């Protein structure tokens, strides 16, 4: 009987020992394997932002750009679930990130705040915010969820879950409250620094475990989101007030905001996994 070929994810998760690899050759192969897994983990984010950058501002066939981006995002999610590249539990988590992100968008674009705006027309705007915008936050959640599985992520010295959850809640609240009271971003960053100072990510690029301080991962992911934000504003997906006349790069200080958002996103994923491990669902 002919063996069925392994699916992409099964192939990437195959961690059988490769004793023949050593030295520089092992380092190169692991680096390439790491890159492939990263690309796979970014599948939804990559396809979604490819659409963000590729859909003309005028839309296509009479469909406004923001509406078309919503259709594309939903189609990508449906395809990933159907192709078993994403589980139903992962889809539920991504939906949660969409709701959380959309709530923040509604507040930030409101008439009293106006941190940024979505200038183009769309049928699928709610409270002035296009529904596709929540998928930008969901893309971050999707990346973390997919990376966790593909790299067989384990966390050493994770702080108490209730403490991590409280810090994540305070980070989210600060995105709202800093418009009315002093910005507590750096105090919260210091709190997260102390909370996760000993925490290490154990991940498997190929067949051997590697480690990285979790705080470094937060900063790296936040940096790449900041780069994506620069590209998005350049293409006019949304605009900050100082970009309405002519485009300028997003202030580097936004990197810290995105890194804190990554802390919050990671905490939600970690707590959902923790709850799932502890809750017994009868068959």
Protein backbone atom coordinates (compact mmCIF):
# COMPACT_ATOMS: atom_id res chain seq x y z
CA UNK A 1 0.00 0.00 0.00
CA UNK A 2 1.37 3.42 -0.94
CA UNK A 3 1.92 5.72 2.03
CA UNK A 4 0.04 8.98 1.96
CA UNK A 5 2.37 11.98 1.76
CA UNK A 6 2.76 13.94 4.96
CA UNK A 7 0.89 17.20 5.19
CA UNK A 8 3.02 20.34 5.42
CA UNK A 9 2.40 20.72 9.16
CA UNK A 10 3.10 17.04 9.84
CA UNK A 11 6.35 17.38 7.89
CA UNK A 12 7.36 20.50 9.81
CA UNK A 13 6.52 18.83 13.12
CA UNK A 14 8.63 15.77 12.34
CA UNK A 15 11.36 16.06 14.96
CA UNK A 16 13.13 12.77 14.42
CA UNK A 17 16.84 13.01 15.32
CA UNK A 18 19.27 14.09 12.58
CA UNK A 19 22.58 12.79 13.95
CA UNK A 20 24.33 13.46 10.64
CA UNK A 21 23.97 17.21 11.14
CA UNK A 22 26.71 18.99 13.05
CA UNK A 23 28.69 22.20 13.19
CA UNK A 24 28.04 24.92 10.63
CA UNK A 25 25.84 22.63 8.53
CA UNK A 26 23.49 22.02 11.47
CA UNK A 27 23.38 25.73 12.23
CA UNK A 28 22.47 26.52 8.62
CA UNK A 29 19.81 23.79 8.36
CA UNK A 30 18.23 24.80 11.68
CA UNK A 31 18.22 28.45 10.61
CA UNK A 32 16.50 27.57 7.32
CA UNK A 33 14.02 25.30 9.12
CA UNK A 34 13.34 28.11 11.59
CA UNK A 35 12.60 30.45 8.68
CA UNK A 36 10.22 27.98 7.04
CA UNK A 37 8.31 27.47 10.29
CA UNK A 38 8.15 31.23 10.85
CA UNK A 39 6.75 31.69 7.35
CA UNK A 40 4.16 28.96 7.99
CA UNK A 41 3.21 30.55 11.33
CA UNK A 42 2.74 33.86 9.50
CA UNK A 43 0.47 32.29 6.87
CA UNK A 44 -2.68 34.17 7.81
CA UNK A 45 -0.83 37.40 8.62
CA UNK A 46 1.18 37.17 5.40
CA UNK A 47 -1.80 36.51 3.13
CA UNK A 48 -3.90 39.14 4.87
CA UNK A 49 -1.28 41.89 4.69
CA UNK A 50 -0.49 40.92 1.11
CA UNK A 51 -4.13 41.73 0.40
CA UNK A 52 -3.88 44.93 2.46
CA UNK A 53 -0.96 46.14 0.36
CA UNK A 54 -2.27 44.78 -2.94
CA UNK A 55 -5.93 45.82 -3.06
CA UNK A 56 -6.24 49.19 -4.85
CA UNK A 57 -7.55 52.10 -2.83
CA UNK A 58 -10.42 52.46 -5.30
CA UNK A 59 -11.47 48.87 -4.66
CA UNK A 60 -12.20 46.16 -7.22
CA UNK A 61 -15.32 45.70 -9.38
CA UNK A 62 -17.17 48.33 -7.40
CA UNK A 63 -16.40 46.69 -4.03
CA UNK A 64 -14.78 49.24 -1.67
CA UNK A 65 -11.30 48.37 -0.46
CA UNK A 66 -12.20 47.91 3.22
CA UNK A 67 -15.12 45.62 2.34
CA UNK A 68 -12.97 43.56 0.02
CA UNK A 69 -10.33 43.17 2.73
CA UNK A 70 -13.00 41.82 5.09
CA UNK A 71 -14.14 39.30 2.46
CA UNK A 72 -10.55 38.21 1.84
CA UNK A 73 -9.80 37.83 5.56
CA UNK A 74 -12.90 35.68 6.09
CA UNK A 75 -12.05 33.59 3.02
CA UNK A 76 -8.50 32.97 4.27
CA UNK A 77 -9.81 31.86 7.66
CA UNK A 78 -12.40 29.56 6.07
CA UNK A 79 -9.75 28.03 3.82
CA UNK A 80 -7.30 27.48 6.70
CA UNK A 81 -9.92 25.68 8.78
CA UNK A 82 -11.09 23.59 5.83
CA UNK A 83 -7.49 22.69 4.92
CA UNK A 84 -6.84 21.78 8.58
CA UNK A 85 -4.15 24.43 8.84
CA UNK A 86 -6.09 25.86 11.76
CA UNK A 87 -8.28 24.15 14.34
CA UNK A 88 -11.69 25.29 15.50
CA UNK A 89 -10.22 26.14 18.91
CA UNK A 90 -7.59 28.30 17.21
CA UNK A 91 -10.31 30.01 15.18
CA UNK A 92 -12.24 30.79 18.38
CA UNK A 93 -9.12 32.34 19.92
CA UNK A 94 -8.49 34.41 16.79
CA UNK A 95 -12.10 35.61 16.89
CA UNK A 96 -11.50 36.75 20.47
CA UNK A 97 -8.47 38.78 19.32
CA UNK A 98 -10.60 40.29 16.55
CA UNK A 99 -13.20 41.45 19.08
CA UNK A 100 -10.56 42.84 21.47
CA UNK A 101 -8.80 44.67 18.65
CA UNK A 102 -12.00 46.03 17.14
CA UNK A 103 -13.07 47.43 20.51
CA UNK A 104 -9.77 49.30 20.75
CA UNK A 105 -10.16 50.58 17.18
CA UNK A 106 -13.64 51.96 17.90
CA UNK A 107 -12.32 53.91 20.87
CA UNK A 108 -9.15 55.18 19.19
CA UNK A 109 -10.97 56.46 16.10
CA UNK A 110 -13.89 58.01 18.00
CA UNK A 111 -14.61 61.71 17.64
CA UNK A 112 -13.30 62.51 21.10
CA UNK A 113 -9.97 60.71 20.61
CA UNK A 114 -9.06 60.61 16.89
CA UNK A 115 -5.73 58.80 17.36
CA UNK A 116 -6.02 57.67 13.74
CA UNK A 117 -8.70 57.37 11.10
CA UNK A 118 -9.98 55.21 8.25
CA UNK A 119 -10.66 57.79 5.55
CA UNK A 120 -12.19 55.58 2.85
CA UNK A 121 -15.83 54.59 2.40
CA UNK A 122 -17.03 51.09 3.27
CA UNK A 123 -20.38 49.36 3.67
CA UNK A 124 -18.96 47.26 6.52
CA UNK A 125 -18.01 50.11 8.81
CA UNK A 126 -19.34 49.96 12.36
CA UNK A 127 -18.98 53.07 14.53
CA UNK A 128 -16.77 54.46 11.78
CA UNK A 129 -14.38 51.50 11.88
CA UNK A 130 -14.16 48.92 9.05
CA UNK A 131 -14.76 45.40 10.34
CA UNK A 132 -11.62 44.12 8.64
CA UNK A 133 -9.48 46.13 11.09
CA UNK A 134 -9.94 43.58 13.87
CA UNK A 135 -8.11 41.05 11.73
CA UNK A 136 -4.91 43.08 12.07
CA UNK A 137 -4.93 42.18 15.76
CA UNK A 138 -6.15 38.67 15.00
CA UNK A 139 -3.10 38.26 12.72
CA UNK A 140 -0.82 38.74 15.73
CA UNK A 141 -2.82 36.19 17.71
CA UNK A 142 -2.76 33.77 14.78
CA UNK A 143 1.02 34.03 14.53
CA UNK A 144 1.54 33.30 18.23
CA UNK A 145 -0.93 30.39 18.22
CA UNK A 146 0.61 28.82 15.11
CA UNK A 147 4.18 29.35 16.36
CA UNK A 148 3.30 27.70 19.67
CA UNK A 149 2.25 24.54 17.87
CA UNK A 150 4.84 24.43 15.07
CA UNK A 151 7.79 25.09 17.36
CA UNK A 152 6.43 22.88 20.17
CA UNK A 153 6.77 25.87 22.50
CA UNK A 154 7.17 25.31 26.21
CA UNK A 155 7.57 28.02 28.83
CA UNK A 156 9.97 27.76 31.73
CA UNK A 157 9.46 29.81 34.90
CA UNK A 158 6.12 31.20 33.77
CA UNK A 159 4.82 33.65 36.39
CA UNK A 160 1.56 32.91 38.21
CA UNK A 161 -1.20 33.00 35.62
CA UNK A 162 -3.35 35.38 37.62
CA UNK A 163 -0.48 37.87 37.81
CA UNK A 164 0.19 37.61 34.08
CA UNK A 165 -3.53 38.04 33.40
CA UNK A 166 -3.71 41.11 35.61
CA UNK A 167 -0.75 42.75 33.86
CA UNK A 168 -2.31 41.99 30.46
CA UNK A 169 -5.59 43.57 31.61
CA UNK A 170 -3.75 46.68 32.83
CA UNK A 171 -1.90 46.94 29.51
CA UNK A 172 -5.17 46.82 27.58
CA UNK A 173 -6.80 49.33 29.94
CA UNK A 174 -3.89 51.74 29.53
CA UNK A 175 -4.55 51.97 25.79
CA UNK A 176 -7.82 53.66 26.83
CA UNK A 177 -7.00 55.44 30.08
CA UNK A 178 -3.84 57.25 28.95
CA UNK A 179 -6.08 59.74 27.16
CA UNK A 180 -7.49 60.84 30.52
CA UNK A 181 -4.75 60.11 33.06
CA UNK A 182 -0.94 59.94 32.73
CA UNK A 183 0.37 57.22 30.41
CA UNK A 184 1.46 54.25 32.51
CA UNK A 185 3.13 52.46 29.59
CA UNK A 186 6.65 52.50 30.99
CA UNK A 187 5.50 51.49 34.46
CA UNK A 188 3.65 48.56 32.92
CA UNK A 189 6.72 47.72 30.81
CA UNK A 190 8.82 47.68 34.00
CA UNK A 191 6.19 45.47 35.65
CA UNK A 192 6.26 43.05 32.70
CA UNK A 193 10.07 43.12 32.78
CA UNK A 194 10.10 42.04 36.41
CA UNK A 195 7.33 39.49 35.90
CA UNK A 196 8.96 37.74 32.92
CA UNK A 197 12.64 38.35 33.79
CA UNK A 198 13.27 34.64 34.48
CA UNK A 199 10.89 33.30 31.84
CA UNK A 200 12.41 31.36 28.96
CA UNK A 201 10.86 30.07 25.76
CA UNK A 202 11.87 26.54 24.80
CA UNK A 203 11.26 25.90 21.11
CA UNK A 204 12.27 23.31 18.53
CA UNK A 205 13.30 24.58 15.08
CA UNK A 206 14.26 21.09 13.88
CA UNK A 207 15.07 18.20 16.21
CA UNK A 208 16.74 19.88 19.18
CA UNK A 209 15.36 22.27 21.75
CA UNK A 210 16.62 25.86 21.74
CA UNK A 211 15.91 28.60 24.25
CA UNK A 212 15.31 32.34 24.19
CA UNK A 213 14.38 34.84 26.90
CA UNK A 214 10.67 35.53 26.50
CA UNK A 215 11.25 39.28 26.80
CA UNK A 216 13.47 39.18 23.69
CA UNK A 217 10.67 37.46 21.78
CA UNK A 218 8.22 40.20 22.86
CA UNK A 219 10.55 42.93 21.56
CA UNK A 220 11.30 41.17 18.26
CA UNK A 221 7.64 40.53 17.43
CA UNK A 222 6.76 44.10 18.43
CA UNK A 223 9.47 45.42 16.10
CA UNK A 224 8.16 43.54 13.08
CA UNK A 225 4.60 44.72 13.79
CA UNK A 226 5.93 48.30 13.91
CA UNK A 227 7.51 47.74 10.48
CA UNK A 228 4.21 46.39 9.14
CA UNK A 229 2.44 49.45 10.56
CA UNK A 230 4.82 51.75 8.65
CA UNK A 231 4.04 49.91 5.43
CA UNK A 232 0.28 49.99 6.13
CA UNK A 233 0.22 53.74 6.75
CA UNK A 234 2.39 54.28 3.67
CA UNK A 235 -0.29 52.56 1.58
CA UNK A 236 -2.98 54.66 3.27
CA UNK A 237 -4.83 51.83 5.02
CA UNK A 238 -5.11 54.14 8.00
CA UNK A 239 -3.49 57.44 8.88
CA UNK A 240 -2.22 59.12 12.01
CA UNK A 241 -2.98 62.84 12.31
CA UNK A 242 0.63 63.78 11.45
CA UNK A 243 0.38 61.73 8.23
CA UNK A 244 -2.69 63.41 6.74
CA UNK A 245 -0.71 65.94 4.70
CA UNK A 246 2.20 63.73 3.72
CA UNK A 247 3.39 60.33 4.88
CA UNK A 248 6.03 60.16 7.59
CA UNK A 249 7.32 57.10 9.39
CA UNK A 250 5.48 55.97 12.50
CA UNK A 251 7.26 57.17 15.62
CA UNK A 252 9.62 54.57 17.01
CA UNK A 253 7.84 54.94 20.36
CA UNK A 254 5.01 52.88 18.88
CA UNK A 255 7.37 49.90 19.03
CA UNK A 256 6.90 49.86 22.80
CA UNK A 257 3.12 49.93 22.41
CA UNK A 258 3.19 47.01 20.00
CA UNK A 259 5.54 45.05 22.27
CA UNK A 260 3.11 45.53 25.14
CA UNK A 261 0.29 44.39 22.87
CA UNK A 262 2.33 41.25 22.16
CA UNK A 263 2.69 40.68 25.93
CA UNK A 264 -1.09 40.92 26.23
CA UNK A 265 -1.66 38.60 23.25
CA UNK A 266 0.82 36.02 24.53
CA UNK A 267 -0.81 36.10 27.96
CA UNK A 268 -4.25 35.42 26.49
CA UNK A 269 -2.91 32.46 24.49
CA UNK A 270 -0.96 31.09 27.49
CA UNK A 271 -3.97 31.40 29.79
CA UNK A 272 -6.33 29.77 27.26
CA UNK A 273 -3.92 26.84 26.95
CA UNK A 274 -3.59 26.66 30.74
CA UNK A 275 -7.37 26.61 31.19
CA UNK A 276 -7.77 23.96 28.48
CA UNK A 277 -5.23 21.71 30.22
CA UNK A 278 -7.05 22.00 33.54
CA UNK A 279 -10.65 21.68 32.35
CA UNK A 280 -11.87 18.14 31.69
CA UNK A 281 -14.46 17.82 28.97
CA UNK A 282 -16.21 14.41 29.07
CA UNK A 283 -16.11 12.49 25.81
